Amino acid sequence: MPKNKNPEGTIKKILDVSLQLFLEKGYDETTVLDIVNNLGGLTRGAFYHHFKSKEEVLEAIFSDVYISNNPMQNADDAKAKNGLERVKLAIKSGMSSSLENSDVGDTTKLALQLMQKPRFLAEQLKNNREIVDMLLPMVTQGMTDGSIKPGNPRLVTELVIHLLNFWLIPDIFPCTMVETFAKADVIKQICEEVLGLHIFDEEIESLFMKTAEMYGWSN
């Protein structure tokens, strides 16, 4: 095979084409041949030079988008008064990216489609644990500087992340828009009255409403 002078461009093309096919046809229904046939002249050999399977492509899609739009990194890079502000910046950054960046939005839609499958549900739990580890220093800082009520920072972080990134997702726990917002109110109450974690401000509530509408959580 001739040496590829632009491997990054080839990989991006494979990822972009695969993402759109996964969204349009469904992940299970999309084959490697489907992907190759939509690569505009690239061969099956070019595909397998970079990826062993469509499963590996899927992992690369999620990894590529997250690395480019890491809300935890954005919160670390931004100036914040205290730990609570850093936590809120991380949440806002993640929600804003899904709404404003088409790649992030499409990847989120794909993740939601796959969420009911046991394999990807387990992957979501793994991702939640990784998010907990990244958010934990911010919560710990908040408990130290007084912006968050003192307590066990890991348990608080785990509870909040599992509520936001698991219980609140209608694709995992089917519910109407009204029920989704009722859940959000319960989470807000738990955070503020029990945990002393005041993360829900007008901006975050507005972003949540836009997110719910964008992903069709009214069904």
Protein backbone atom coordinates (compact mmCIF):
# COMPACT_ATOMS: atom_id res chain seq x y z
CA MET A 1 0.00 0.00 0.00
CA PRO A 2 1.38 3.44 -0.93
CA LYS A 3 2.29 5.58 2.07
CA ASN A 4 -0.58 7.79 3.17
CA LYS A 5 0.65 11.38 3.19
CA ASN A 6 -2.30 12.53 5.30
CA PRO A 7 -3.18 9.79 7.83
CA GLU A 8 -4.88 12.27 10.17
CA GLY A 9 -7.17 13.39 7.36
CA THR A 10 -8.00 9.78 6.48
CA ILE A 11 -8.80 8.92 10.10
CA LYS A 12 -11.02 12.00 10.45
CA LYS A 13 -12.87 11.09 7.25
CA ILE A 14 -13.47 7.55 8.49
CA LEU A 15 -14.73 8.84 11.83
CA ASP A 16 -17.00 11.48 10.26
CA VAL A 17 -18.53 9.07 7.73
CA SER A 18 -18.98 6.35 10.36
CA LEU A 19 -20.69 8.71 12.80
CA GLN A 20 -23.24 9.83 10.22
CA LEU A 21 -23.94 6.24 9.15
CA PHE A 22 -24.33 5.12 12.77
CA LEU A 23 -26.86 7.91 13.28
CA GLU A 24 -28.75 7.35 10.02
CA LYS A 25 -28.75 3.53 9.76
CA GLY A 26 -28.09 2.55 13.35
CA TYR A 27 -24.87 1.16 14.75
CA ASP A 28 -25.87 -2.51 14.47
CA GLU A 29 -27.11 -2.12 10.89
CA THR A 30 -23.96 -0.34 9.65
CA THR A 31 -21.21 -2.57 8.25
CA VAL A 32 -17.57 -1.86 7.49
CA LEU A 33 -18.47 -2.15 3.79
CA ASP A 34 -21.08 0.60 4.25
CA ILE A 35 -18.41 2.82 5.72
CA VAL A 36 -15.90 2.04 2.95
CA ASN A 37 -18.51 2.68 0.24
CA ASN A 38 -19.01 6.20 1.60
CA LEU A 39 -15.35 7.15 1.90
CA GLY A 40 -15.14 8.69 -1.55
CA GLY A 41 -12.61 6.36 -3.14
CA LEU A 42 -10.75 5.13 -0.08
CA THR A 43 -10.33 1.37 -0.06
CA ARG A 44 -11.17 -1.28 2.50
CA GLY A 45 -7.41 -1.62 2.96
CA ALA A 46 -7.21 2.03 3.95
CA PHE A 47 -9.92 1.45 6.55
CA TYR A 48 -8.23 -1.62 8.05
CA HIS A 49 -4.87 0.17 8.03
CA HIS A 50 -6.26 2.43 10.76
CA PHE A 51 -9.06 0.40 12.41
CA LYS A 52 -9.56 -3.29 13.09
CA SER A 53 -13.35 -3.10 13.31
CA LYS A 54 -16.33 -0.77 13.51
CA GLU A 55 -16.23 -1.28 17.30
CA GLU A 56 -12.79 0.32 17.31
CA VAL A 57 -14.14 3.16 15.17
CA LEU A 58 -16.93 3.77 17.66
CA GLU A 59 -14.45 3.97 20.55
CA ALA A 60 -12.32 6.41 18.54
CA ILE A 61 -15.34 8.62 17.80
CA PHE A 62 -16.14 9.04 21.49
CA SER A 63 -12.49 9.44 22.48
CA ASP A 64 -11.75 12.02 19.77
CA VAL A 65 -14.71 14.23 20.66
CA TYR A 66 -14.09 14.03 24.39
CA ILE A 67 -10.39 14.88 24.12
CA SER A 68 -11.21 17.91 21.96
CA ASN A 69 -14.03 19.07 24.24
CA ASN A 70 -13.08 17.99 27.75
CA PRO A 71 -15.34 20.02 30.10
CA MET A 72 -13.13 19.18 33.08
CA GLN A 73 -10.10 20.61 31.31
CA ASN A 74 -12.08 23.69 30.34
CA ALA A 75 -13.01 24.19 33.99
CA ASP A 76 -9.37 23.79 35.03
CA ASP A 77 -8.20 26.30 32.42
CA ALA A 78 -10.84 28.92 33.33
CA LYS A 79 -10.48 31.33 36.21
CA ALA A 80 -12.84 30.42 39.03
CA LYS A 81 -13.29 31.90 42.49
CA ASN A 82 -13.67 28.59 44.29
CA GLY A 83 -14.37 24.87 44.00
CA LEU A 84 -18.10 25.32 43.52
CA GLU A 85 -17.54 27.68 40.59
CA ARG A 86 -15.19 25.14 39.00
CA VAL A 87 -17.84 22.42 39.32
CA LYS A 88 -20.45 24.67 37.74
CA LEU A 89 -18.07 25.63 34.93
CA ALA A 90 -17.43 21.94 34.16
CA ILE A 91 -21.19 21.22 33.99
CA LYS A 92 -21.89 24.29 31.86
CA SER A 93 -19.00 23.50 29.52
CA GLY A 94 -20.22 19.95 28.93
CA MET A 95 -23.81 21.00 28.27
CA SER A 96 -22.82 23.96 26.08
CA SER A 97 -20.53 21.77 23.96
CA SER A 98 -23.39 19.39 23.19
CA LEU A 99 -25.60 22.29 22.12
CA GLU A 100 -23.08 24.39 20.21
CA ASN A 101 -20.66 21.86 18.69
CA SER A 102 -22.27 19.66 16.05
CA ASP A 103 -19.66 16.90 16.51
CA VAL A 104 -20.32 16.74 20.25
CA GLY A 105 -24.08 16.92 19.70
CA ASP A 106 -24.06 14.10 17.14
CA THR A 107 -21.83 11.96 19.34
CA THR A 108 -24.16 12.51 22.28
CA LYS A 109 -27.15 11.49 20.16
CA LEU A 110 -25.32 8.31 19.15
CA ALA A 111 -24.42 7.55 22.76
CA LEU A 112 -28.05 7.94 23.79
CA GLN A 113 -29.19 5.59 21.00
CA LEU A 114 -26.80 2.93 22.27
CA MET A 115 -27.51 3.43 25.96
CA GLN A 116 -30.16 0.71 26.21
CA LYS A 117 -27.70 -1.95 25.06
CA PRO A 118 -26.05 -3.74 28.01
CA ARG A 119 -22.54 -3.28 26.65
CA PHE A 120 -22.89 0.47 26.26
CA LEU A 121 -24.79 0.83 29.50
CA ALA A 122 -21.79 -0.71 31.22
CA GLU A 123 -19.57 1.71 29.29
CA GLN A 124 -21.67 4.60 30.59
CA LEU A 125 -21.05 3.46 34.16
CA LYS A 126 -17.33 3.28 33.41
CA ASN A 127 -17.42 6.80 31.99
CA ASN A 128 -19.26 7.99 35.08
CA ARG A 129 -16.46 6.66 37.26
CA GLU A 130 -13.91 8.52 35.15
CA ILE A 131 -15.92 11.74 35.42
CA VAL A 132 -16.12 11.29 39.20
CA ASP A 133 -12.32 11.03 39.39
CA MET A 134 -11.92 14.24 37.38
CA LEU A 135 -14.58 16.20 39.25
CA LEU A 136 -13.51 15.00 42.70
CA PRO A 137 -10.63 17.52 43.14
CA MET A 138 -13.04 20.39 42.42
CA VAL A 139 -15.57 19.17 44.99
CA THR A 140 -12.77 18.60 47.48
CA GLN A 141 -11.53 22.14 46.88
CA GLY A 142 -15.06 23.47 47.43
CA MET A 143 -15.39 21.67 50.76
CA THR A 144 -12.02 23.07 51.79
CA ASP A 145 -12.69 26.68 50.77
CA GLY A 146 -16.25 26.65 52.17
CA SER A 147 -18.15 27.03 48.90
CA ILE A 148 -19.54 23.47 49.30
CA LYS A 149 -20.91 21.98 52.53
CA PRO A 150 -18.29 19.80 54.29
CA GLY A 151 -18.73 16.06 53.86
CA ASN A 152 -17.29 13.05 52.06
CA PRO A 153 -16.24 14.52 48.69
CA ARG A 154 -16.13 11.20 46.81
CA LEU A 155 -19.57 10.06 47.94
CA VAL A 156 -21.07 13.46 47.11
CA THR A 157 -19.44 13.49 43.67
CA GLU A 158 -20.50 9.91 42.89
CA LEU A 159 -24.11 10.58 43.89
CA VAL A 160 -24.43 13.75 41.83
CA ILE A 161 -22.82 12.26 38.71
CA HIS A 162 -24.95 9.11 38.80
CA LEU A 163 -28.09 11.20 39.23
CA LEU A 164 -27.20 13.55 36.38
CA ASN A 165 -25.59 11.05 33.99
CA PHE A 166 -27.72 8.00 34.68
CA TRP A 167 -31.04 8.48 36.49
CA LEU A 168 -31.84 11.66 34.58
CA ILE A 169 -31.38 10.12 31.10
CA PRO A 170 -34.78 9.12 29.64
CA ASP A 171 -33.07 6.69 27.25
CA ILE A 172 -32.17 4.62 30.32
CA PHE A 173 -35.24 5.38 32.46
CA PRO A 174 -38.05 6.22 29.98
CA CYS A 175 -40.11 9.22 31.07
CA THR A 176 -41.97 12.20 29.63
CA MET A 177 -40.64 15.75 29.50
CA VAL A 178 -42.72 16.63 32.56
CA GLU A 179 -41.27 13.68 34.47
CA THR A 180 -37.75 14.59 33.32
CA PHE A 181 -38.08 18.09 34.75
CA ALA A 182 -39.62 16.68 37.93
CA LYS A 183 -36.51 14.51 38.32
CA ALA A 184 -34.32 17.56 37.78
CA ASP A 185 -36.20 19.34 40.59
CA VAL A 186 -35.60 16.36 42.90
CA ILE A 187 -31.88 16.38 42.05
CA LYS A 188 -31.73 20.12 42.72
CA GLN A 189 -33.41 19.61 46.09
CA ILE A 190 -31.00 16.82 47.05
CA CYS A 191 -27.97 18.87 45.99
CA GLU A 192 -28.98 22.03 47.80
CA GLU A 193 -30.82 20.82 50.91
CA VAL A 194 -28.95 17.61 51.65
CA LEU A 195 -25.49 18.00 50.12
CA GLY A 196 -25.10 21.77 50.32
CA LEU A 197 -24.03 21.77 46.67
CA HIS A 198 -25.63 24.77 44.95
CA ILE A 199 -24.86 24.00 41.32
CA PHE A 200 -28.24 24.86 39.81
CA ASP A 201 -28.31 28.48 38.67
CA GLU A 202 -30.41 30.07 35.92
CA GLU A 203 -27.81 29.37 33.24
CA ILE A 204 -27.55 25.66 34.03
CA GLU A 205 -31.34 25.31 34.24
CA SER A 206 -31.65 27.04 30.84
CA LEU A 207 -29.00 24.76 29.33
CA PHE A 208 -30.82 21.73 30.71
CA MET A 209 -34.11 22.82 29.11
CA LYS A 210 -32.40 23.33 25.74
CA THR A 211 -30.67 19.95 26.05
CA ALA A 212 -33.94 18.19 26.82
CA GLU A 213 -35.57 19.77 23.77
CA MET A 214 -32.59 19.05 21.49
CA TYR A 215 -32.52 15.34 22.30
CA GLY A 216 -36.25 14.89 22.20
CA TRP A 217 -36.76 13.98 25.82
CA SER A 218 -40.44 14.86 25.45
CA ASN A 219 -41.19 11.52 23.79
